[in-house]
Amino acid sequence: MTADPSTVELRDAHDKLADFYVEHLDGLLARMPVERMMLDLFGEVTREAGLGPEIVDVGSGTGRLIPYLKGLGLSPRGVDLAPEMVRVARRDHPGVDFRVGDLRALPFGDAELAGAVCWYSLIFLAPEDRPRAFAELARVVKPGGHVVIAAQDGDGSRQRRGKATGLGIEFDAYWMSADELAERLTTAGFVPVFRGSRPPLDIERVPGNYVLAERKGAERKS
């Protein structure tokens, strides 16, 4: 799809953020038990669904979640808008399928995957892009598969981020409430099955939200 100016700005900024992410985000999961709990829950329901281990980390960045997802018995792939993020991810996690792609047009077939992880990647969606992105998640996840989302809590309005990195970058971000995340998942064809939140970390200003949802359409096991 043709990249609009905001998308180009976001992509170029995250190309510059790749080394910054490796330095500041690698290892962060070890300090966040709630994040691990949510990923553990996603891994458990994905295994129980019996749809296979193939899942995607949407907005995978430098691949920091990949080792943990593998440890859950899953076979993760990654997709990210920024080519430099994908280059670093391939370097640091050889053998994993990382692709450059837009979450509004995911590079996967219909019902190809057992699940999707969206870890602080939906926070870059402008309001007009949200229906398409959530519809893409519904398209690529098999009926009975699951999506888990982590996001900063907010009212969904536009804000400018990136300046604090000192890298000379800025980009648009939109922090959404758990209510909006659940509503958009429902509209796209998912059933929210768990919602949670956590207080801000010392590096944050706002709480974190989590939503786990199941793709509708599968027959329920008796």
N, C-alpha and C. Protein backbone atom coordinates (compact mmCIF):
# COMPACT_ATOMS: atom_id res chain seq x y z
N MET A 1 0.83 -1.19 0.00
CA MET A 1 0.00 0.00 0.00
C MET A 1 0.87 1.25 0.00
N THR A 2 0.36 2.32 -0.59
CA THR A 2 1.10 3.57 -0.67
C THR A 2 1.24 4.20 0.71
N ALA A 3 2.45 4.59 1.05
CA ALA A 3 2.70 5.16 2.38
C ALA A 3 2.36 6.64 2.39
N ASP A 4 1.54 7.06 3.34
CA ASP A 4 1.21 8.46 3.53
C ASP A 4 2.34 9.14 4.31
N PRO A 5 2.36 10.47 4.36
CA PRO A 5 3.47 11.16 5.04
C PRO A 5 3.65 10.75 6.50
N SER A 6 2.56 10.52 7.23
CA SER A 6 2.69 10.11 8.63
C SER A 6 3.33 8.74 8.76
N THR A 7 2.98 7.83 7.84
CA THR A 7 3.58 6.50 7.85
C THR A 7 5.06 6.55 7.50
N VAL A 8 5.41 7.37 6.52
CA VAL A 8 6.82 7.53 6.15
C VAL A 8 7.61 8.09 7.33
N GLU A 9 7.05 9.07 8.01
CA GLU A 9 7.71 9.64 9.18
C GLU A 9 7.91 8.58 10.26
N LEU A 10 6.87 7.77 10.51
CA LEU A 10 6.95 6.72 11.52
C LEU A 10 8.00 5.68 11.15
N ARG A 11 7.98 5.27 9.89
CA ARG A 11 8.95 4.27 9.41
C ARG A 11 10.38 4.78 9.54
N ASP A 12 10.62 5.99 9.07
CA ASP A 12 11.98 6.54 9.11
C ASP A 12 12.47 6.75 10.54
N ALA A 13 11.56 7.17 11.42
CA ALA A 13 11.93 7.35 12.82
C ALA A 13 12.32 6.02 13.45
N HIS A 14 11.55 4.98 13.15
CA HIS A 14 11.86 3.68 13.76
C HIS A 14 13.08 3.01 13.14
N ASP A 15 13.42 3.38 11.92
CA ASP A 15 14.72 2.94 11.40
C ASP A 15 15.84 3.48 12.28
N LYS A 16 15.71 4.72 12.71
CA LYS A 16 16.73 5.32 13.57
C LYS A 16 16.67 4.80 15.00
N LEU A 17 15.53 4.22 15.38
CA LEU A 17 15.35 3.73 16.75
C LEU A 17 15.85 2.30 16.96
N ALA A 18 16.26 1.61 15.92
CA ALA A 18 16.60 0.19 16.05
C ALA A 18 17.68 -0.05 17.11
N ASP A 19 18.80 0.65 17.02
CA ASP A 19 19.87 0.45 18.00
C ASP A 19 19.42 0.92 19.39
N PHE A 20 18.63 1.98 19.45
CA PHE A 20 18.10 2.49 20.71
C PHE A 20 17.23 1.42 21.38
N TYR A 21 16.42 0.72 20.59
CA TYR A 21 15.57 -0.34 21.14
C TYR A 21 16.41 -1.48 21.70
N VAL A 22 17.45 -1.87 20.97
CA VAL A 22 18.31 -2.94 21.46
C VAL A 22 18.92 -2.55 22.80
N GLU A 23 19.35 -1.31 22.90
CA GLU A 23 20.02 -0.85 24.12
C GLU A 23 19.05 -0.72 25.29
N HIS A 24 17.84 -0.22 25.04
CA HIS A 24 16.95 0.15 26.14
C HIS A 24 15.80 -0.84 26.38
N LEU A 25 15.42 -1.64 25.38
CA LEU A 25 14.26 -2.52 25.55
C LEU A 25 14.62 -3.99 25.69
N ASP A 26 15.75 -4.41 25.14
CA ASP A 26 16.15 -5.81 25.33
C ASP A 26 16.32 -6.08 26.83
N GLY A 27 15.70 -7.13 27.30
CA GLY A 27 15.77 -7.47 28.71
C GLY A 27 14.68 -6.84 29.55
N LEU A 28 13.89 -5.92 28.97
CA LEU A 28 12.84 -5.26 29.74
C LEU A 28 11.77 -6.24 30.21
N LEU A 29 11.50 -7.25 29.39
CA LEU A 29 10.46 -8.22 29.74
C LEU A 29 10.77 -8.93 31.06
N ALA A 30 12.03 -9.12 31.36
CA ALA A 30 12.42 -9.79 32.61
C ALA A 30 12.01 -8.99 33.84
N ARG A 31 11.79 -7.68 33.68
CA ARG A 31 11.40 -6.82 34.80
C ARG A 31 9.90 -6.55 34.85
N MET A 32 9.15 -7.23 33.98
CA MET A 32 7.72 -6.94 33.87
C MET A 32 6.90 -8.23 34.01
N PRO A 33 6.63 -8.67 35.24
CA PRO A 33 5.90 -9.93 35.42
C PRO A 33 4.50 -9.93 34.85
N VAL A 34 3.83 -8.78 34.84
CA VAL A 34 2.48 -8.73 34.26
C VAL A 34 2.54 -8.99 32.75
N GLU A 35 3.55 -8.44 32.10
CA GLU A 35 3.71 -8.68 30.66
C GLU A 35 3.95 -10.16 30.40
N ARG A 36 4.79 -10.78 31.20
CA ARG A 36 5.04 -12.21 31.02
C ARG A 36 3.78 -13.02 31.29
N MET A 37 3.01 -12.61 32.29
CA MET A 37 1.76 -13.31 32.59
C MET A 37 0.81 -13.28 31.41
N MET A 38 0.69 -12.12 30.75
CA MET A 38 -0.20 -12.01 29.61
C MET A 38 0.29 -12.86 28.44
N LEU A 39 1.59 -12.86 28.20
CA LEU A 39 2.12 -13.70 27.13
C LEU A 39 1.97 -15.18 27.47
N ASP A 40 2.14 -15.53 28.75
CA ASP A 40 1.93 -16.92 29.17
C ASP A 40 0.49 -17.34 28.91
N LEU A 41 -0.46 -16.46 29.23
CA LEU A 41 -1.87 -16.77 29.01
C LEU A 41 -2.15 -16.94 27.52
N PHE A 42 -1.60 -16.06 26.71
CA PHE A 42 -1.76 -16.19 25.26
C PHE A 42 -1.18 -17.52 24.77
N GLY A 43 0.01 -17.87 25.26
CA GLY A 43 0.62 -19.14 24.86
C GLY A 43 -0.23 -20.33 25.25
N GLU A 44 -0.81 -20.29 26.44
CA GLU A 44 -1.63 -21.42 26.90
C GLU A 44 -2.88 -21.59 26.05
N VAL A 45 -3.62 -20.49 25.82
CA VAL A 45 -4.85 -20.63 25.04
C VAL A 45 -4.55 -20.97 23.59
N THR A 46 -3.41 -20.51 23.07
CA THR A 46 -3.05 -20.84 21.70
C THR A 46 -2.74 -22.33 21.58
N ARG A 47 -2.00 -22.87 22.53
CA ARG A 47 -1.72 -24.30 22.50
C ARG A 47 -3.01 -25.12 22.65
N GLU A 48 -3.88 -24.69 23.57
CA GLU A 48 -5.11 -25.43 23.81
C GLU A 48 -6.06 -25.39 22.61
N ALA A 49 -5.99 -24.34 21.81
CA ALA A 49 -6.86 -24.23 20.65
C ALA A 49 -6.54 -25.28 19.59
N GLY A 50 -5.32 -25.79 19.60
CA GLY A 50 -4.95 -26.86 18.69
C GLY A 50 -4.88 -26.46 17.22
N LEU A 51 -4.56 -25.20 16.97
CA LEU A 51 -4.52 -24.70 15.60
C LEU A 51 -3.10 -24.59 15.07
N GLY A 52 -2.16 -25.14 15.79
CA GLY A 52 -0.77 -25.07 15.39
C GLY A 52 -0.03 -23.98 16.14
N PRO A 53 1.30 -23.98 16.04
CA PRO A 53 2.12 -23.02 16.80
C PRO A 53 2.45 -21.74 16.08
N GLU A 54 2.03 -21.60 14.81
CA GLU A 54 2.46 -20.45 14.01
C GLU A 54 1.71 -19.19 14.41
N ILE A 55 2.44 -18.22 14.94
CA ILE A 55 1.85 -16.94 15.34
C ILE A 55 2.73 -15.82 14.81
N VAL A 56 2.23 -14.59 14.88
CA VAL A 56 3.01 -13.46 14.42
C VAL A 56 3.09 -12.40 15.51
N ASP A 57 4.26 -11.82 15.65
CA ASP A 57 4.48 -10.65 16.48
C ASP A 57 4.34 -9.44 15.56
N VAL A 58 3.22 -8.73 15.69
CA VAL A 58 2.90 -7.61 14.81
C VAL A 58 3.55 -6.34 15.37
N GLY A 59 4.45 -5.76 14.60
CA GLY A 59 5.25 -4.66 15.11
C GLY A 59 6.37 -5.21 15.98
N SER A 60 7.08 -6.18 15.43
CA SER A 60 8.04 -6.97 16.21
C SER A 60 9.31 -6.21 16.55
N GLY A 61 9.54 -5.05 15.92
CA GLY A 61 10.74 -4.30 16.25
C GLY A 61 12.00 -5.11 16.05
N THR A 62 12.87 -5.10 17.03
CA THR A 62 14.13 -5.84 16.94
C THR A 62 13.99 -7.30 17.39
N GLY A 63 12.76 -7.72 17.64
CA GLY A 63 12.51 -9.13 17.97
C GLY A 63 12.68 -9.49 19.43
N ARG A 64 12.52 -8.53 20.32
CA ARG A 64 12.82 -8.78 21.73
C ARG A 64 11.89 -9.81 22.36
N LEU A 65 10.67 -10.00 21.83
CA LEU A 65 9.74 -10.99 22.40
C LEU A 65 9.96 -12.40 21.85
N ILE A 66 10.71 -12.52 20.78
CA ILE A 66 10.82 -13.80 20.08
C ILE A 66 11.32 -14.92 20.97
N PRO A 67 12.42 -14.76 21.74
CA PRO A 67 12.87 -15.87 22.58
C PRO A 67 11.81 -16.31 23.59
N TYR A 68 11.09 -15.36 24.17
CA TYR A 68 10.07 -15.73 25.15
C TYR A 68 8.93 -16.48 24.48
N LEU A 69 8.51 -16.03 23.32
CA LEU A 69 7.43 -16.71 22.61
C LEU A 69 7.84 -18.12 22.20
N LYS A 70 9.09 -18.28 21.79
CA LYS A 70 9.58 -19.63 21.48
C LYS A 70 9.54 -20.52 22.72
N GLY A 71 9.89 -19.94 23.86
CA GLY A 71 9.87 -20.69 25.11
C GLY A 71 8.49 -21.15 25.52
N LEU A 72 7.45 -20.54 24.96
CA LEU A 72 6.07 -20.95 25.23
C LEU A 72 5.61 -22.06 24.29
N GLY A 73 6.51 -22.55 23.45
CA GLY A 73 6.16 -23.61 22.52
C GLY A 73 5.56 -23.10 21.23
N LEU A 74 5.70 -21.81 20.96
CA LEU A 74 5.14 -21.23 19.75
C LEU A 74 6.22 -21.06 18.69
N SER A 75 5.78 -20.89 17.45
CA SER A 75 6.69 -20.65 16.33
C SER A 75 6.41 -19.24 15.80
N PRO A 76 7.06 -18.24 16.39
CA PRO A 76 6.74 -16.86 16.03
C PRO A 76 7.40 -16.39 14.75
N ARG A 77 6.64 -15.58 14.03
CA ARG A 77 7.17 -14.79 12.93
C ARG A 77 7.12 -13.33 13.37
N GLY A 78 7.72 -12.47 12.60
CA GLY A 78 7.68 -11.05 12.94
C GLY A 78 7.41 -10.20 11.72
N VAL A 79 6.72 -9.10 11.92
CA VAL A 79 6.50 -8.13 10.86
C VAL A 79 6.64 -6.73 11.45
N ASP A 80 7.34 -5.86 10.74
CA ASP A 80 7.54 -4.50 11.24
C ASP A 80 7.61 -3.54 10.06
N LEU A 81 7.16 -2.33 10.30
CA LEU A 81 7.14 -1.31 9.26
C LEU A 81 8.54 -0.85 8.86
N ALA A 82 9.47 -0.86 9.80
CA ALA A 82 10.80 -0.26 9.59
C ALA A 82 11.81 -1.30 9.10
N PRO A 83 12.37 -1.13 7.92
CA PRO A 83 13.36 -2.08 7.40
C PRO A 83 14.56 -2.28 8.32
N GLU A 84 15.01 -1.22 8.99
CA GLU A 84 16.17 -1.36 9.87
C GLU A 84 15.83 -2.21 11.09
N MET A 85 14.61 -2.08 11.61
CA MET A 85 14.18 -2.95 12.70
C MET A 85 14.23 -4.41 12.25
N VAL A 86 13.75 -4.67 11.05
CA VAL A 86 13.74 -6.04 10.53
C VAL A 86 15.17 -6.54 10.32
N ARG A 87 16.05 -5.69 9.82
CA ARG A 87 17.45 -6.10 9.62
C ARG A 87 18.09 -6.52 10.94
N VAL A 88 17.90 -5.70 11.98
CA VAL A 88 18.47 -6.02 13.29
C VAL A 88 17.84 -7.29 13.86
N ALA A 89 16.53 -7.44 13.70
CA ALA A 89 15.86 -8.63 14.20
C ALA A 89 16.39 -9.89 13.53
N ARG A 90 16.59 -9.84 12.22
CA ARG A 90 17.15 -11.00 11.51
C ARG A 90 18.56 -11.29 11.96
N ARG A 91 19.32 -10.25 12.23
CA ARG A 91 20.70 -10.43 12.72
C ARG A 91 20.73 -11.09 14.09
N ASP A 92 19.85 -10.64 14.98
CA ASP A 92 19.89 -11.11 16.36
C ASP A 92 19.10 -12.39 16.59
N HIS A 93 18.20 -12.72 15.66
CA HIS A 93 17.36 -13.92 15.82
C HIS A 93 17.34 -14.70 14.50
N PRO A 94 18.49 -15.26 14.12
CA PRO A 94 18.57 -15.97 12.84
C PRO A 94 17.60 -17.16 12.80
N GLY A 95 17.08 -17.40 11.62
CA GLY A 95 16.16 -18.52 11.43
C GLY A 95 14.70 -18.17 11.63
N VAL A 96 14.42 -16.97 12.14
CA VAL A 96 13.03 -16.54 12.33
C VAL A 96 12.61 -15.72 11.10
N ASP A 97 11.37 -15.93 10.69
CA ASP A 97 10.82 -15.23 9.53
C ASP A 97 10.37 -13.82 9.93
N PHE A 98 11.21 -12.84 9.63
CA PHE A 98 10.86 -11.44 9.85
C PHE A 98 10.60 -10.79 8.49
N ARG A 99 9.51 -10.02 8.41
CA ARG A 99 9.14 -9.37 7.16
C ARG A 99 8.89 -7.89 7.38
N VAL A 100 9.19 -7.10 6.37
CA VAL A 100 8.79 -5.69 6.37
C VAL A 100 7.33 -5.63 5.93
N GLY A 101 6.50 -4.95 6.71
CA GLY A 101 5.10 -4.87 6.34
C GLY A 101 4.35 -3.87 7.19
N ASP A 102 3.17 -3.53 6.72
CA ASP A 102 2.28 -2.56 7.36
C ASP A 102 1.15 -3.33 8.03
N LEU A 103 0.84 -3.01 9.27
CA LEU A 103 -0.21 -3.77 9.96
C LEU A 103 -1.60 -3.50 9.39
N ARG A 104 -1.71 -2.53 8.49
CA ARG A 104 -2.97 -2.32 7.78
C ARG A 104 -3.07 -3.19 6.54
N ALA A 105 -2.00 -3.91 6.21
CA ALA A 105 -1.98 -4.82 5.06
C ALA A 105 -0.96 -5.90 5.37
N LEU A 106 -1.29 -6.79 6.27
CA LEU A 106 -0.33 -7.79 6.76
C LEU A 106 0.06 -8.76 5.65
N PRO A 107 1.35 -9.13 5.58
CA PRO A 107 1.84 -9.98 4.51
C PRO A 107 1.64 -11.47 4.77
N PHE A 108 0.40 -11.84 5.11
CA PHE A 108 0.06 -13.23 5.38
C PHE A 108 -1.27 -13.55 4.73
N GLY A 109 -1.50 -14.83 4.50
CA GLY A 109 -2.73 -15.27 3.87
C GLY A 109 -3.91 -15.30 4.84
N ASP A 110 -5.09 -15.46 4.28
CA ASP A 110 -6.29 -15.57 5.11
C ASP A 110 -6.19 -16.78 6.03
N ALA A 111 -6.51 -16.57 7.32
CA ALA A 111 -6.52 -17.66 8.32
C ALA A 111 -5.23 -18.47 8.30
N GLU A 112 -4.12 -17.80 8.11
CA GLU A 112 -2.82 -18.49 8.03
C GLU A 112 -2.22 -18.78 9.40
N LEU A 113 -2.61 -18.03 10.43
CA LEU A 113 -1.91 -18.06 11.70
C LEU A 113 -2.82 -18.46 12.85
N ALA A 114 -2.22 -19.06 13.88
CA ALA A 114 -2.97 -19.46 15.07
C ALA A 114 -3.18 -18.30 16.03
N GLY A 115 -2.45 -17.21 15.84
CA GLY A 115 -2.61 -16.09 16.76
C GLY A 115 -1.70 -14.94 16.39
N ALA A 116 -1.89 -13.84 17.09
CA ALA A 116 -1.09 -12.63 16.86
C ALA A 116 -0.84 -11.92 18.17
N VAL A 117 0.37 -11.41 18.32
CA VAL A 117 0.78 -10.60 19.45
C VAL A 117 0.97 -9.17 18.96
N CYS A 118 0.30 -8.24 19.60
CA CYS A 118 0.41 -6.81 19.23
C CYS A 118 0.92 -6.06 20.45
N TRP A 119 2.23 -5.99 20.59
CA TRP A 119 2.85 -5.46 21.81
C TRP A 119 3.26 -4.02 21.59
N TYR A 120 2.39 -3.11 21.97
CA TYR A 120 2.64 -1.68 21.82
C TYR A 120 2.85 -1.29 20.35
N SER A 121 2.16 -1.98 19.46
CA SER A 121 2.25 -1.68 18.03
C SER A 121 1.00 -1.02 17.48
N LEU A 122 -0.14 -1.19 18.15
CA LEU A 122 -1.37 -0.56 17.68
C LEU A 122 -1.46 0.90 18.12
N ILE A 123 -0.50 1.35 18.90
CA ILE A 123 -0.52 2.72 19.43
C ILE A 123 -0.17 3.75 18.37
N PHE A 124 0.16 3.30 17.16
CA PHE A 124 0.51 4.24 16.09
C PHE A 124 -0.63 4.41 15.08
N LEU A 125 -1.79 3.86 15.39
CA LEU A 125 -2.91 3.90 14.45
C LEU A 125 -3.76 5.15 14.64
N ALA A 126 -3.82 5.96 13.60
CA ALA A 126 -4.77 7.08 13.60
C ALA A 126 -6.19 6.52 13.58
N PRO A 127 -7.17 7.27 14.06
CA PRO A 127 -8.54 6.75 14.12
C PRO A 127 -9.04 6.17 12.80
N GLU A 128 -8.72 6.82 11.69
CA GLU A 128 -9.23 6.33 10.40
C GLU A 128 -8.58 5.03 9.95
N ASP A 129 -7.42 4.68 10.53
CA ASP A 129 -6.71 3.45 10.16
C ASP A 129 -7.09 2.26 11.04
N ARG A 130 -7.74 2.50 12.15
CA ARG A 130 -8.00 1.42 13.11
C ARG A 130 -8.91 0.33 12.58
N PRO A 131 -10.03 0.65 11.92
CA PRO A 131 -10.87 -0.43 11.41
C PRO A 131 -10.12 -1.37 10.46
N ARG A 132 -9.32 -0.81 9.57
CA ARG A 132 -8.58 -1.64 8.62
C ARG A 132 -7.56 -2.53 9.32
N ALA A 133 -6.86 -1.99 10.29
CA ALA A 133 -5.84 -2.77 11.00
C ALA A 133 -6.46 -3.92 11.79
N PHE A 134 -7.54 -3.65 12.50
CA PHE A 134 -8.19 -4.72 13.27
C PHE A 134 -8.81 -5.76 12.34
N ALA A 135 -9.32 -5.32 11.19
CA ALA A 135 -9.84 -6.26 10.21
C ALA A 135 -8.73 -7.16 9.67
N GLU A 136 -7.54 -6.62 9.52
CA GLU A 136 -6.41 -7.43 9.07
C GLU A 136 -6.05 -8.51 10.09
N LEU A 137 -6.09 -8.16 11.36
CA LEU A 137 -5.85 -9.18 12.38
C LEU A 137 -6.87 -10.30 12.27
N ALA A 138 -8.13 -9.92 12.08
CA ALA A 138 -9.19 -10.94 11.94
C ALA A 138 -8.99 -11.78 10.68
N ARG A 139 -8.48 -11.18 9.64
CA ARG A 139 -8.28 -11.90 8.39
C ARG A 139 -7.21 -12.99 8.51
N VAL A 140 -6.09 -12.67 9.16
CA VAL A 140 -4.96 -13.60 9.15
C VAL A 140 -5.02 -14.64 10.28
N VAL A 141 -5.85 -14.41 11.30
CA VAL A 141 -5.94 -15.35 12.43
C VAL A 141 -7.06 -16.35 12.18
N LYS A 142 -6.76 -17.60 12.40
CA LYS A 142 -7.75 -18.66 12.20
C LYS A 142 -8.90 -18.53 13.18
N PRO A 143 -10.11 -18.93 12.77
CA PRO A 143 -11.21 -19.01 13.74
C PRO A 143 -10.81 -19.88 14.94
N GLY A 144 -11.03 -19.37 16.12
CA GLY A 144 -10.59 -20.06 17.32
C GLY A 144 -9.21 -19.67 17.79
N GLY A 145 -8.49 -18.91 16.95
CA GLY A 145 -7.19 -18.40 17.34
C GLY A 145 -7.33 -17.16 18.21
N HIS A 146 -6.20 -16.65 18.69
CA HIS A 146 -6.25 -15.56 19.67
C HIS A 146 -5.32 -14.40 19.29
N VAL A 147 -5.71 -13.24 19.76
CA VAL A 147 -4.89 -12.04 19.66
C VAL A 147 -4.70 -11.49 21.07
N VAL A 148 -3.48 -11.07 21.39
CA VAL A 148 -3.22 -10.41 22.66
C VAL A 148 -2.59 -9.06 22.37
N ILE A 149 -3.10 -8.03 23.06
CA ILE A 149 -2.68 -6.66 22.81
C ILE A 149 -2.15 -6.04 24.10
N ALA A 150 -1.05 -5.33 23.99
CA ALA A 150 -0.56 -4.46 25.07
C ALA A 150 -0.48 -3.05 24.51
N ALA A 151 -0.91 -2.08 25.31
CA ALA A 151 -0.91 -0.69 24.85
C ALA A 151 -0.92 0.25 26.05
N GLN A 152 -0.40 1.43 25.84
CA GLN A 152 -0.53 2.46 26.87
C GLN A 152 -1.97 2.97 26.91
N ASP A 153 -2.44 3.29 28.10
CA ASP A 153 -3.81 3.75 28.28
C ASP A 153 -3.95 5.22 27.88
N GLY A 154 -5.02 5.53 27.17
CA GLY A 154 -5.27 6.92 26.78
C GLY A 154 -6.62 7.05 26.12
N ASP A 155 -6.89 8.24 25.61
CA ASP A 155 -8.20 8.51 25.00
C ASP A 155 -8.17 8.38 23.48
N GLY A 156 -7.07 7.89 22.92
CA GLY A 156 -6.99 7.67 21.48
C GLY A 156 -6.65 8.89 20.66
N SER A 157 -6.38 10.02 21.32
CA SER A 157 -6.09 11.24 20.57
C SER A 157 -4.61 11.30 20.16
N ARG A 158 -4.32 12.13 19.18
CA ARG A 158 -2.96 12.24 18.62
C ARG A 158 -2.03 12.96 19.58
N GLN A 159 -0.82 12.43 19.67
CA GLN A 159 0.24 13.10 20.41
C GLN A 159 1.55 12.89 19.66
N ARG A 160 2.50 13.74 19.91
CA ARG A 160 3.79 13.63 19.27
C ARG A 160 4.78 12.99 20.23
N ARG A 161 5.48 11.98 19.72
CA ARG A 161 6.44 11.24 20.53
C ARG A 161 7.79 11.21 19.83
N GLY A 162 8.82 10.76 20.55
CA GLY A 162 10.13 10.52 19.96
C GLY A 162 11.18 11.56 20.29
N LYS A 163 10.76 12.78 20.59
CA LYS A 163 11.74 13.84 20.82
C LYS A 163 12.66 13.53 21.99
N ALA A 164 12.13 12.87 23.02
CA ALA A 164 12.92 12.60 24.23
C ALA A 164 14.07 11.63 23.99
N THR A 165 14.06 10.92 22.87
CA THR A 165 15.16 9.98 22.59
C THR A 165 16.46 10.70 22.27
N GLY A 166 16.38 11.98 21.89
CA GLY A 166 17.57 12.71 21.50
C GLY A 166 18.11 12.34 20.14
N LEU A 167 17.32 11.63 19.33
CA LEU A 167 17.76 11.19 18.02
C LEU A 167 17.27 12.10 16.90
N GLY A 168 16.60 13.20 17.26
CA GLY A 168 16.12 14.12 16.24
C GLY A 168 14.92 13.61 15.48
N ILE A 169 14.09 12.81 16.15
CA ILE A 169 12.92 12.23 15.49
C ILE A 169 11.65 12.62 16.24
N GLU A 170 10.53 12.60 15.50
CA GLU A 170 9.21 12.74 16.07
C GLU A 170 8.24 11.94 15.21
N PHE A 171 7.15 11.49 15.84
CA PHE A 171 6.14 10.74 15.11
C PHE A 171 4.84 10.78 15.91
N ASP A 172 3.75 10.42 15.23
CA ASP A 172 2.44 10.43 15.86
C ASP A 172 2.21 9.13 16.63
N ALA A 173 1.56 9.26 17.80
CA ALA A 173 1.14 8.09 18.58
C ALA A 173 -0.26 8.35 19.13
N TYR A 174 -0.97 7.26 19.38
CA TYR A 174 -2.35 7.34 19.84
C TYR A 174 -2.57 6.25 20.89
N TRP A 175 -2.60 6.60 22.15
CA TRP A 175 -2.79 5.62 23.21
C TRP A 175 -4.29 5.40 23.40
N MET A 176 -4.70 4.12 23.33
CA MET A 176 -6.12 3.78 23.39
C MET A 176 -6.51 3.14 24.71
N SER A 177 -7.74 3.34 25.11
CA SER A 177 -8.27 2.72 26.32
C SER A 177 -8.55 1.24 26.06
N ALA A 178 -8.64 0.47 27.14
CA ALA A 178 -9.02 -0.94 27.01
C ALA A 178 -10.41 -1.06 26.43
N ASP A 179 -11.30 -0.13 26.76
CA ASP A 179 -12.66 -0.16 26.20
C ASP A 179 -12.62 -0.04 24.68
N GLU A 180 -11.81 0.88 24.17
CA GLU A 180 -11.75 1.02 22.71
C GLU A 180 -11.11 -0.20 22.06
N LEU A 181 -10.05 -0.72 22.66
CA LEU A 181 -9.42 -1.92 22.11
C LEU A 181 -10.41 -3.07 22.03
N ALA A 182 -11.16 -3.29 23.12
CA ALA A 182 -12.14 -4.38 23.15
C ALA A 182 -13.25 -4.15 22.13
N GLU A 183 -13.71 -2.91 22.01
CA GLU A 183 -14.78 -2.60 21.06
C GLU A 183 -14.34 -2.84 19.62
N ARG A 184 -13.13 -2.41 19.30
CA ARG A 184 -12.64 -2.59 17.93
C ARG A 184 -12.38 -4.06 17.63
N LEU A 185 -11.91 -4.82 18.59
CA LEU A 185 -11.77 -6.26 18.40
C LEU A 185 -13.12 -6.91 18.14
N THR A 186 -14.11 -6.53 18.91
CA THR A 186 -15.45 -7.09 18.75
C THR A 186 -16.01 -6.78 17.37
N THR A 187 -15.87 -5.56 16.93
CA THR A 187 -16.36 -5.15 15.61
C THR A 187 -15.67 -5.93 14.50
N ALA A 188 -14.39 -6.25 14.70
CA ALA A 188 -13.61 -6.96 13.68
C ALA A 188 -13.91 -8.45 13.63
N GLY A 189 -14.56 -8.99 14.66
CA GLY A 189 -14.89 -10.41 14.65
C GLY A 189 -14.23 -11.23 15.73
N PHE A 190 -13.79 -10.58 16.79
CA PHE A 190 -13.20 -11.27 17.93
C PHE A 190 -14.15 -11.19 19.13
N VAL A 191 -13.91 -12.07 20.10
CA VAL A 191 -14.61 -12.03 21.37
C VAL A 191 -13.58 -11.77 22.46
N PRO A 192 -13.58 -10.61 23.09
CA PRO A 192 -12.65 -10.38 24.19
C PRO A 192 -12.90 -11.38 25.33
N VAL A 193 -11.84 -12.01 25.81
CA VAL A 193 -11.99 -13.01 26.87
C VAL A 193 -11.26 -12.61 28.15
N PHE A 194 -10.39 -11.61 28.07
CA PHE A 194 -9.70 -11.13 29.27
C PHE A 194 -9.24 -9.71 29.03
N ARG A 195 -9.39 -8.89 30.08
CA ARG A 195 -8.88 -7.52 30.06
C ARG A 195 -8.15 -7.26 31.37
N GLY A 196 -7.07 -6.52 31.31
CA GLY A 196 -6.33 -6.18 32.52
C GLY A 196 -5.58 -4.89 32.35
N SER A 197 -4.99 -4.42 33.44
CA SER A 197 -4.19 -3.21 33.40
C SER A 197 -3.11 -3.30 34.47
N ARG A 198 -2.16 -2.40 34.38
CA ARG A 198 -1.09 -2.31 35.38
C ARG A 198 -0.74 -0.85 35.58
N PRO A 199 -0.17 -0.51 36.73
CA PRO A 199 0.27 0.88 36.94
C PRO A 199 1.49 1.20 36.09
N PRO A 200 1.79 2.48 35.93
CA PRO A 200 2.97 2.85 35.12
C PRO A 200 4.27 2.35 35.74
N LEU A 201 5.21 2.00 34.87
CA LEU A 201 6.57 1.74 35.31
C LEU A 201 7.27 3.06 35.58
N ASP A 202 8.48 2.97 36.11
CA ASP A 202 9.23 4.19 36.41
C ASP A 202 9.62 4.95 35.14
N ILE A 203 9.57 4.28 33.98
CA ILE A 203 9.92 4.93 32.72
C ILE A 203 8.69 5.42 31.97
N GLU A 204 7.52 5.29 32.57
CA GLU A 204 6.26 5.62 31.89
C GLU A 204 5.51 6.73 32.63
N ARG A 205 4.51 7.28 31.92
CA ARG A 205 3.65 8.29 32.52
C ARG A 205 2.21 7.79 32.71
N VAL A 206 1.85 6.71 32.02
CA VAL A 206 0.46 6.24 32.04
C VAL A 206 0.43 4.74 32.28
N PRO A 207 -0.72 4.21 32.73
CA PRO A 207 -0.84 2.76 32.92
C PRO A 207 -0.79 2.00 31.60
N GLY A 208 -0.63 0.69 31.72
CA GLY A 208 -0.68 -0.19 30.56
C GLY A 208 -1.97 -0.97 30.52
N ASN A 209 -2.49 -1.22 29.32
CA ASN A 209 -3.70 -2.01 29.11
C ASN A 209 -3.37 -3.31 28.40
N TYR A 210 -4.17 -4.34 28.67
CA TYR A 210 -4.02 -5.63 28.00
C TYR A 210 -5.40 -6.17 27.65
N VAL A 211 -5.52 -6.72 26.46
CA VAL A 211 -6.75 -7.38 26.05
C VAL A 211 -6.38 -8.67 25.32
N LEU A 212 -7.01 -9.76 25.71
CA LEU A 212 -6.89 -11.05 25.02
C LEU A 212 -8.24 -11.36 24.39
N ALA A 213 -8.24 -11.74 23.12
CA ALA A 213 -9.50 -11.99 22.42
C ALA A 213 -9.38 -13.23 21.53
N GLU A 214 -10.50 -13.89 21.33
CA GLU A 214 -10.58 -15.07 20.48
C GLU A 214 -11.28 -14.73 19.17
N ARG A 215 -10.74 -15.24 18.07
CA ARG A 215 -11.38 -15.05 16.77
C ARG A 215 -12.63 -15.90 16.69
N LYS A 216 -13.75 -15.28 16.36
CA LYS A 216 -15.01 -16.01 16.27
C LYS A 216 -15.02 -16.95 15.07
N GLY A 217 -15.88 -17.95 15.14
CA GLY A 217 -16.08 -18.82 14.01
C GLY A 217 -15.74 -20.28 14.24
N ALA A 218 -15.05 -20.57 15.34
CA ALA A 218 -14.69 -21.96 15.63
C ALA A 218 -15.79 -22.65 16.41
N GLU A 219 -15.93 -23.94 16.19
CA GLU A 219 -16.86 -24.73 16.99
C GLU A 219 -16.27 -24.93 18.38
N ARG A 220 -17.11 -24.73 19.38
CA ARG A 220 -16.67 -24.90 20.76
C ARG A 220 -16.52 -26.39 21.10
N LYS A 221 -15.44 -26.71 21.83
CA LYS A 221 -15.24 -28.09 22.29
C LYS A 221 -16.20 -28.37 23.44
N SER A 222 -16.75 -29.57 23.43
CA SER A 222 -17.68 -29.93 24.52
C SER A 222 -16.91 -30.41 25.74
